[in-house]
């Protein structure tokens, strides 16, 4: 028996589509993830609008945090 057979399977997310703007317990990281997933929704779908509003209300930036500096090869 493999390790994968012992682990419970994760259920797919429920009610995380564009039409569901309810995101209880949202965090900055979660909001940024929603915005990244729904970046093509223009005008903003209810879920993206909720995430944008959360970040605006908390004063957080809507852009993802920059990654580590890139080596310019110099």
PDB file of N, CA and C in Angstrom:
ATOM      1  N   UNK A   1       0.855  -1.180   0.000  1.00  0.00           N
ATOM      2  CA  UNK A   1       0.000   0.000   0.000  1.00  0.00           C
ATOM      3  C   UNK A   1       0.893   1.232   0.000  1.00  0.00           C
ATOM      4  N   UNK A   2       0.609   2.160  -0.905  1.00  0.00           N
ATOM      5  CA  UNK A   2       1.437   3.359  -1.008  1.00  0.00           C
ATOM      6  C   UNK A   2       0.937   4.436  -0.040  1.00  0.00           C
ATOM      7  N   UNK A   3       1.771   5.426   0.150  1.00  0.00           N
ATOM      8  CA  UNK A   3       1.422   6.549   1.027  1.00  0.00           C
ATOM      9  C   UNK A   3       0.188   7.267   0.489  1.00  0.00           C
ATOM     10  N   UNK A   4       0.096   7.364  -0.838  1.00  0.00           N
ATOM     11  CA  UNK A   4      -1.029   8.082  -1.446  1.00  0.00           C
ATOM     12  C   UNK A   4      -2.362   7.399  -1.166  1.00  0.00           C
ATOM     13  N   UNK A   5      -2.332   6.076  -0.997  1.00  0.00           N
ATOM     14  CA  UNK A   5      -3.565   5.359  -0.708  1.00  0.00           C
ATOM     15  C   UNK A   5      -4.015   5.568   0.735  1.00  0.00           C
ATOM     16  N   UNK A   6      -3.097   5.942   1.615  1.00  0.00           N
ATOM     17  CA  UNK A   6      -3.426   6.153   3.017  1.00  0.00           C
ATOM     18  C   UNK A   6      -3.974   7.552   3.284  1.00  0.00           C
ATOM     19  N   UNK A   7      -3.611   8.499   2.438  1.00  0.00           N
ATOM     20  CA  UNK A   7      -4.049   9.885   2.640  1.00  0.00           C
ATOM     21  C   UNK A   7      -5.487  10.057   2.173  1.00  0.00           C
ATOM     22  N   UNK A   8      -6.282  10.773   2.942  1.00  0.00           N
ATOM     23  CA  UNK A   8      -7.646  11.036   2.476  1.00  0.00           C
ATOM     24  C   UNK A   8      -7.605  11.974   1.273  1.00  0.00           C
ATOM     25  N   UNK A   9      -8.496  11.761   0.357  1.00  0.00           N
ATOM     26  CA  UNK A   9      -8.558  12.635  -0.820  1.00  0.00           C
ATOM     27  C   UNK A   9      -9.223  13.947  -0.438  1.00  0.00           C
ATOM     28  N   UNK A  10      -8.672  15.024  -0.982  1.00  0.00           N
ATOM     29  CA  UNK A  10      -9.265  16.332  -0.731  1.00  0.00           C
ATOM     30  C   UNK A  10     -10.495  16.490  -1.600  1.00  0.00           C
ATOM     31  N   UNK A  11     -11.519  17.036  -1.013  1.00  0.00           N
ATOM     32  CA  UNK A  11     -12.728  17.305  -1.779  1.00  0.00           C
ATOM     33  C   UNK A  11     -12.520  18.587  -2.573  1.00  0.00           C
ATOM     34  N   UNK A  12     -13.113  18.690  -3.746  1.00  0.00           N
ATOM     35  CA  UNK A  12     -12.986  19.930  -4.511  1.00  0.00           C
ATOM     36  C   UNK A  12     -13.668  21.075  -3.778  1.00  0.00           C
ATOM     37  N   UNK A  13     -13.183  22.290  -3.980  1.00  0.00           N
ATOM     38  CA  UNK A  13     -13.805  23.449  -3.323  1.00  0.00           C
ATOM     39  C   UNK A  13     -15.277  23.565  -3.728  1.00  0.00           C
ATOM     40  N   UNK A  14     -16.086  23.971  -2.790  1.00  0.00           N
ATOM     41  CA  UNK A  14     -17.510  24.131  -3.040  1.00  0.00           C
ATOM     42  C   UNK A  14     -17.845  25.616  -2.998  1.00  0.00           C
ATOM     43  N   UNK A  15     -18.673  26.036  -3.904  1.00  0.00           N
ATOM     44  CA  UNK A  15     -19.155  27.428  -3.954  1.00  0.00           C
ATOM     45  C   UNK A  15     -18.020  28.439  -4.071  1.00  0.00           C
ATOM     46  N   UNK A  16     -17.020  28.149  -4.873  1.00  0.00           N
ATOM     47  CA  UNK A  16     -15.932  29.093  -5.067  1.00  0.00           C
ATOM     48  C   UNK A  16     -15.947  29.681  -6.477  1.00  0.00           C
ATOM     49  N   UNK A  17     -17.090  29.606  -7.136  1.00  0.00           N
ATOM     50  CA  UNK A  17     -17.219  30.140  -8.483  1.00  0.00           C
ATOM     51  C   UNK A  17     -17.417  31.646  -8.473  1.00  0.00           C
ATOM     52  N   UNK A  18     -17.462  32.204  -9.663  1.00  0.00           N
ATOM     53  CA  UNK A  18     -17.584  33.654  -9.819  1.00  0.00           C
ATOM     54  C   UNK A  18     -18.828  34.236  -9.158  1.00  0.00           C
ATOM     55  N   UNK A  19     -19.915  33.481  -9.157  1.00  0.00           N
ATOM     56  CA  UNK A  19     -21.184  34.014  -8.656  1.00  0.00           C
ATOM     57  C   UNK A  19     -21.266  34.094  -7.142  1.00  0.00           C
ATOM     58  N   UNK A  20     -20.352  33.432  -6.435  1.00  0.00           N
ATOM     59  CA  UNK A  20     -20.415  33.416  -4.977  1.00  0.00           C
ATOM     60  C   UNK A  20     -19.461  34.458  -4.396  1.00  0.00           C
ATOM     61  N   UNK A  21     -20.009  35.586  -3.961  1.00  0.00           N
ATOM     62  CA  UNK A  21     -19.192  36.647  -3.382  1.00  0.00           C
ATOM     63  C   UNK A  21     -18.968  36.495  -1.891  1.00  0.00           C
ATOM     64  N   UNK A  22     -19.521  35.444  -1.288  1.00  0.00           N
ATOM     65  CA  UNK A  22     -19.372  35.233   0.146  1.00  0.00           C
ATOM     66  C   UNK A  22     -18.060  34.510   0.436  1.00  0.00           C
ATOM     67  N   UNK A  23     -17.172  35.182   1.181  1.00  0.00           N
ATOM     68  CA  UNK A  23     -15.874  34.592   1.513  1.00  0.00           C
ATOM     69  C   UNK A  23     -15.625  34.807   3.012  1.00  0.00           C
ATOM     70  N   UNK A  24     -16.291  34.020   3.862  1.00  0.00           N
ATOM     71  CA  UNK A  24     -16.097  34.197   5.305  1.00  0.00           C
ATOM     72  C   UNK A  24     -14.675  33.837   5.719  1.00  0.00           C
ATOM     73  N   UNK A  25     -14.108  34.647   6.598  1.00  0.00           N
ATOM     74  CA  UNK A  25     -12.762  34.374   7.095  1.00  0.00           C
ATOM     75  C   UNK A  25     -11.658  34.715   6.108  1.00  0.00           C
ATOM     76  N   UNK A  26     -11.944  35.577   5.151  1.00  0.00           N
ATOM     77  CA  UNK A  26     -10.956  35.936   4.120  1.00  0.00           C
ATOM     78  C   UNK A  26      -9.718  36.565   4.755  1.00  0.00           C
ATOM     79  N   UNK A  27      -8.575  36.302   4.169  1.00  0.00           N
ATOM     80  CA  UNK A  27      -7.295  36.871   4.611  1.00  0.00           C
ATOM     81  C   UNK A  27      -6.659  37.589   3.429  1.00  0.00           C
ATOM     82  N   UNK A  28      -5.598  38.355   3.694  1.00  0.00           N
ATOM     83  CA  UNK A  28      -4.892  39.041   2.608  1.00  0.00           C
ATOM     84  C   UNK A  28      -4.412  38.047   1.556  1.00  0.00           C
ATOM     85  N   UNK A  29      -3.812  36.959   2.000  1.00  0.00           N
ATOM     86  CA  UNK A  29      -3.270  35.957   1.071  1.00  0.00           C
ATOM     87  C   UNK A  29      -4.390  35.333   0.236  1.00  0.00           C
ATOM     88  N   UNK A  30      -5.483  35.015   0.886  1.00  0.00           N
ATOM     89  CA  UNK A  30      -6.613  34.409   0.198  1.00  0.00           C
ATOM     90  C   UNK A  30      -7.202  35.388  -0.821  1.00  0.00           C
ATOM     91  N   UNK A  31      -7.344  36.650  -0.421  1.00  0.00           N
ATOM     92  CA  UNK A  31      -7.884  37.667  -1.317  1.00  0.00           C
ATOM     93  C   UNK A  31      -6.998  37.826  -2.558  1.00  0.00           C
ATOM     94  N   UNK A  32      -5.685  37.847  -2.360  1.00  0.00           N
ATOM     95  CA  UNK A  32      -4.780  37.965  -3.503  1.00  0.00           C
ATOM     96  C   UNK A  32      -4.884  36.745  -4.425  1.00  0.00           C
ATOM     97  N   UNK A  33      -5.085  35.573  -3.832  1.00  0.00           N
ATOM     98  CA  UNK A  33      -5.262  34.366  -4.625  1.00  0.00           C
ATOM     99  C   UNK A  33      -6.534  34.416  -5.457  1.00  0.00           C
ATOM    100  N   UNK A  34      -7.614  34.892  -4.849  1.00  0.00           N
ATOM    101  CA  UNK A  34      -8.876  35.032  -5.579  1.00  0.00           C
ATOM    102  C   UNK A  34      -8.697  35.993  -6.740  1.00  0.00           C
ATOM    103  N   UNK A  35      -8.027  37.115  -6.493  1.00  0.00           N
ATOM    104  CA  UNK A  35      -7.813  38.107  -7.547  1.00  0.00           C
ATOM    105  C   UNK A  35      -6.985  37.507  -8.673  1.00  0.00           C
ATOM    106  N   UNK A  36      -5.972  36.721  -8.330  1.00  0.00           N
ATOM    107  CA  UNK A  36      -5.136  36.095  -9.363  1.00  0.00           C
ATOM    108  C   UNK A  36      -5.946  35.097 -10.188  1.00  0.00           C
ATOM    109  N   UNK A  37      -6.772  34.295  -9.535  1.00  0.00           N
ATOM    110  CA  UNK A  37      -7.584  33.306 -10.247  1.00  0.00           C
ATOM    111  C   UNK A  37      -8.616  33.980 -11.133  1.00  0.00           C
ATOM    112  N   UNK A  38      -9.191  35.069 -10.655  1.00  0.00           N
ATOM    113  CA  UNK A  38     -10.268  35.747 -11.372  1.00  0.00           C
ATOM    114  C   UNK A  38      -9.779  36.997 -12.108  1.00  0.00           C
ATOM    115  N   UNK A  39      -8.497  37.053 -12.454  1.00  0.00           N
ATOM    116  CA  UNK A  39      -7.976  38.255 -13.102  1.00  0.00           C
ATOM    117  C   UNK A  39      -8.653  38.541 -14.437  1.00  0.00           C
ATOM    118  N   UNK A  40      -9.160  37.540 -15.108  1.00  0.00           N
ATOM    119  CA  UNK A  40      -9.824  37.745 -16.397  1.00  0.00           C
ATOM    120  C   UNK A  40     -11.263  38.191 -16.279  1.00  0.00           C
ATOM    121  N   UNK A  41     -11.801  38.258 -15.083  1.00  0.00           N
ATOM    122  CA  UNK A  41     -13.193  38.666 -14.888  1.00  0.00           C
ATOM    123  C   UNK A  41     -13.295  40.189 -14.929  1.00  0.00           C
ATOM    124  N   UNK A  42     -13.712  40.702 -16.055  1.00  0.00           N
ATOM    125  CA  UNK A  42     -13.918  42.140 -16.215  1.00  0.00           C
ATOM    126  C   UNK A  42     -15.264  42.363 -16.867  1.00  0.00           C
ATOM    127  N   UNK A  43     -16.170  43.108 -16.252  1.00  0.00           N
ATOM    128  CA  UNK A  43     -16.013  43.714 -14.936  1.00  0.00           C
ATOM    129  C   UNK A  43     -15.872  42.635 -13.865  1.00  0.00           C
ATOM    130  N   UNK A  44     -15.396  43.054 -12.718  1.00  0.00           N
ATOM    131  CA  UNK A  44     -15.107  42.109 -11.637  1.00  0.00           C
ATOM    132  C   UNK A  44     -16.351  41.307 -11.263  1.00  0.00           C
ATOM    133  N   UNK A  45     -16.185  39.979 -11.208  1.00  0.00           N
ATOM    134  CA  UNK A  45     -17.265  39.105 -10.757  1.00  0.00           C
ATOM    135  C   UNK A  45     -17.470  39.340  -9.258  1.00  0.00           C
ATOM    136  N   UNK A  46     -18.583  38.849  -8.687  1.00  0.00           N
ATOM    137  CA  UNK A  46     -18.832  39.061  -7.256  1.00  0.00           C
ATOM    138  C   UNK A  46     -17.696  38.571  -6.351  1.00  0.00           C
ATOM    139  N   UNK A  47     -17.064  37.447  -6.693  1.00  0.00           N
ATOM    140  CA  UNK A  47     -15.986  36.905  -5.849  1.00  0.00           C
ATOM    141  C   UNK A  47     -14.764  37.819  -5.896  1.00  0.00           C
ATOM    142  N   UNK A  48     -14.389  38.266  -7.101  1.00  0.00           N
ATOM    143  CA  UNK A  48     -13.246  39.170  -7.234  1.00  0.00           C
ATOM    144  C   UNK A  48     -13.554  40.511  -6.566  1.00  0.00           C
ATOM    145  N   UNK A  49     -14.787  40.986  -6.709  1.00  0.00           N
ATOM    146  CA  UNK A  49     -15.178  42.258  -6.092  1.00  0.00           C
ATOM    147  C   UNK A  49     -15.055  42.183  -4.569  1.00  0.00           C
ATOM    148  N   UNK A  50     -15.445  41.050  -3.995  1.00  0.00           N
ATOM    149  CA  UNK A  50     -15.316  40.862  -2.541  1.00  0.00           C
ATOM    150  C   UNK A  50     -13.857  40.933  -2.122  1.00  0.00           C
ATOM    151  N   UNK A  51     -12.977  40.256  -2.875  1.00  0.00           N
ATOM    152  CA  UNK A  51     -11.548  40.254  -2.549  1.00  0.00           C
ATOM    153  C   UNK A  51     -10.954  41.654  -2.690  1.00  0.00           C
ATOM    154  N   UNK A  52     -11.312  42.359  -3.750  1.00  0.00           N
ATOM    155  CA  UNK A  52     -10.803  43.728  -3.943  1.00  0.00           C
ATOM    156  C   UNK A  52     -11.287  44.649  -2.819  1.00  0.00           C
ATOM    157  N   UNK A  53     -12.557  44.508  -2.461  1.00  0.00           N
ATOM    158  CA  UNK A  53     -13.123  45.338  -1.384  1.00  0.00           C
ATOM    159  C   UNK A  53     -12.443  45.026  -0.054  1.00  0.00           C
ATOM    160  N   UNK A  54     -12.174  43.750   0.225  1.00  0.00           N
ATOM    161  CA  UNK A  54     -11.495  43.374   1.469  1.00  0.00           C
ATOM    162  C   UNK A  54     -10.120  44.034   1.540  1.00  0.00           C
ATOM    163  N   UNK A  55      -9.354  43.944   0.454  1.00  0.00           N
ATOM    164  CA  UNK A  55      -8.012  44.537   0.463  1.00  0.00           C
ATOM    165  C   UNK A  55      -8.080  46.054   0.584  1.00  0.00           C
ATOM    166  N   UNK A  56      -9.069  46.676  -0.060  1.00  0.00           N
ATOM    167  CA  UNK A  56      -9.221  48.131   0.049  1.00  0.00           C
ATOM    168  C   UNK A  56      -9.594  48.529   1.481  1.00  0.00           C
ATOM    169  N   UNK A  57     -10.490  47.763   2.102  1.00  0.00           N
ATOM    170  CA  UNK A  57     -10.930  48.063   3.467  1.00  0.00           C
ATOM    171  C   UNK A  57      -9.813  47.887   4.492  1.00  0.00           C
ATOM    172  N   UNK A  58      -8.915  46.937   4.245  1.00  0.00           N
ATOM    173  CA  UNK A  58      -7.837  46.686   5.197  1.00  0.00           C
ATOM    174  C   UNK A  58      -6.591  47.509   4.881  1.00  0.00           C
ATOM    175  N   UNK A  59      -6.623  48.209   3.762  1.00  0.00           N
ATOM    176  CA  UNK A  59      -5.472  49.039   3.388  1.00  0.00           C
ATOM    177  C   UNK A  59      -4.330  48.241   2.784  1.00  0.00           C
ATOM    178  N   UNK A  60      -4.577  46.978   2.457  1.00  0.00           N
ATOM    179  CA  UNK A  60      -3.535  46.140   1.857  1.00  0.00           C
ATOM    180  C   UNK A  60      -3.412  46.461   0.370  1.00  0.00           C
ATOM    181  N   UNK A  61      -2.251  46.182  -0.177  1.00  0.00           N
ATOM    182  CA  UNK A  61      -2.047  46.398  -1.604  1.00  0.00           C
ATOM    183  C   UNK A  61      -2.764  45.313  -2.383  1.00  0.00           C
ATOM    184  N   UNK A  62      -3.282  45.666  -3.560  1.00  0.00           N
ATOM    185  CA  UNK A  62      -3.975  44.686  -4.383  1.00  0.00           C
ATOM    186  C   UNK A  62      -3.014  43.915  -5.265  1.00  0.00           C
ATOM    187  N   UNK A  63      -1.794  44.373  -5.403  1.00  0.00           N
ATOM    188  CA  UNK A  63      -0.798  43.661  -6.204  1.00  0.00           C
ATOM    189  C   UNK A  63      -0.138  42.592  -5.347  1.00  0.00           C
ATOM    190  N   UNK A  64       0.195  41.457  -5.940  1.00  0.00           N
ATOM    191  CA  UNK A  64       0.905  40.429  -5.166  1.00  0.00           C
ATOM    192  C   UNK A  64       2.266  40.929  -4.714  1.00  0.00           C
ATOM    193  N   UNK A  65       2.734  40.392  -3.615  1.00  0.00           N
ATOM    194  CA  UNK A  65       4.037  40.788  -3.103  1.00  0.00           C
ATOM    195  C   UNK A  65       5.115  40.389  -4.117  1.00  0.00           C
ATOM    196  N   UNK A  66       6.121  41.238  -4.297  1.00  0.00           N
ATOM    197  CA  UNK A  66       7.173  40.890  -5.255  1.00  0.00           C
ATOM    198  C   UNK A  66       7.967  39.679  -4.785  1.00  0.00           C
ATOM    199  N   UNK A  67       8.448  38.913  -5.740  1.00  0.00           N
ATOM    200  CA  UNK A  67       9.231  37.732  -5.430  1.00  0.00           C
ATOM    201  C   UNK A  67      10.649  38.134  -5.063  1.00  0.00           C
ATOM    202  N   UNK A  68      11.500  37.155  -4.891  1.00  0.00           N
ATOM    203  CA  UNK A  68      12.907  37.458  -4.552  1.00  0.00           C
ATOM    204  C   UNK A  68      13.567  38.190  -5.702  1.00  0.00           C
ATOM    205  N   UNK A  69      14.602  38.990  -5.413  1.00  0.00           N
ATOM    206  CA  UNK A  69      15.280  39.730  -6.475  1.00  0.00           C
ATOM    207  C   UNK A  69      15.861  38.767  -7.508  1.00  0.00           C
ATOM    208  N   UNK A  70      15.791  39.192  -8.756  1.00  0.00           N
ATOM    209  CA  UNK A  70      16.329  38.389  -9.850  1.00  0.00           C
ATOM    210  C   UNK A  70      17.792  38.706 -10.049  1.00  0.00           C
ATOM    211  N   UNK A  71      18.599  37.694 -10.329  1.00  0.00           N
ATOM    212  CA  UNK A  71      20.018  37.891 -10.604  1.00  0.00           C
ATOM    213  C   UNK A  71      20.168  38.451 -11.998  1.00  0.00           C
ATOM    214  N   UNK A  72      20.744  39.625 -12.108  1.00  0.00           N
ATOM    215  CA  UNK A  72      20.901  40.259 -13.412  1.00  0.00           C
ATOM    216  C   UNK A  72      22.077  39.706 -14.186  1.00  0.00           C
ATOM    217  N   UNK A  73      22.838  38.813 -13.587  1.00  0.00           N
ATOM    218  CA  UNK A  73      23.970  38.215 -14.274  1.00  0.00           C
ATOM    219  C   UNK A  73      25.210  39.078 -14.226  1.00  0.00           C
ATOM    220  N   UNK A  74      25.164  40.156 -13.482  1.00  0.00           N
ATOM    221  CA  UNK A  74      26.321  41.061 -13.408  1.00  0.00           C
ATOM    222  C   UNK A  74      27.303  40.612 -12.366  1.00  0.00           C
TER     223      UNK A  74
END
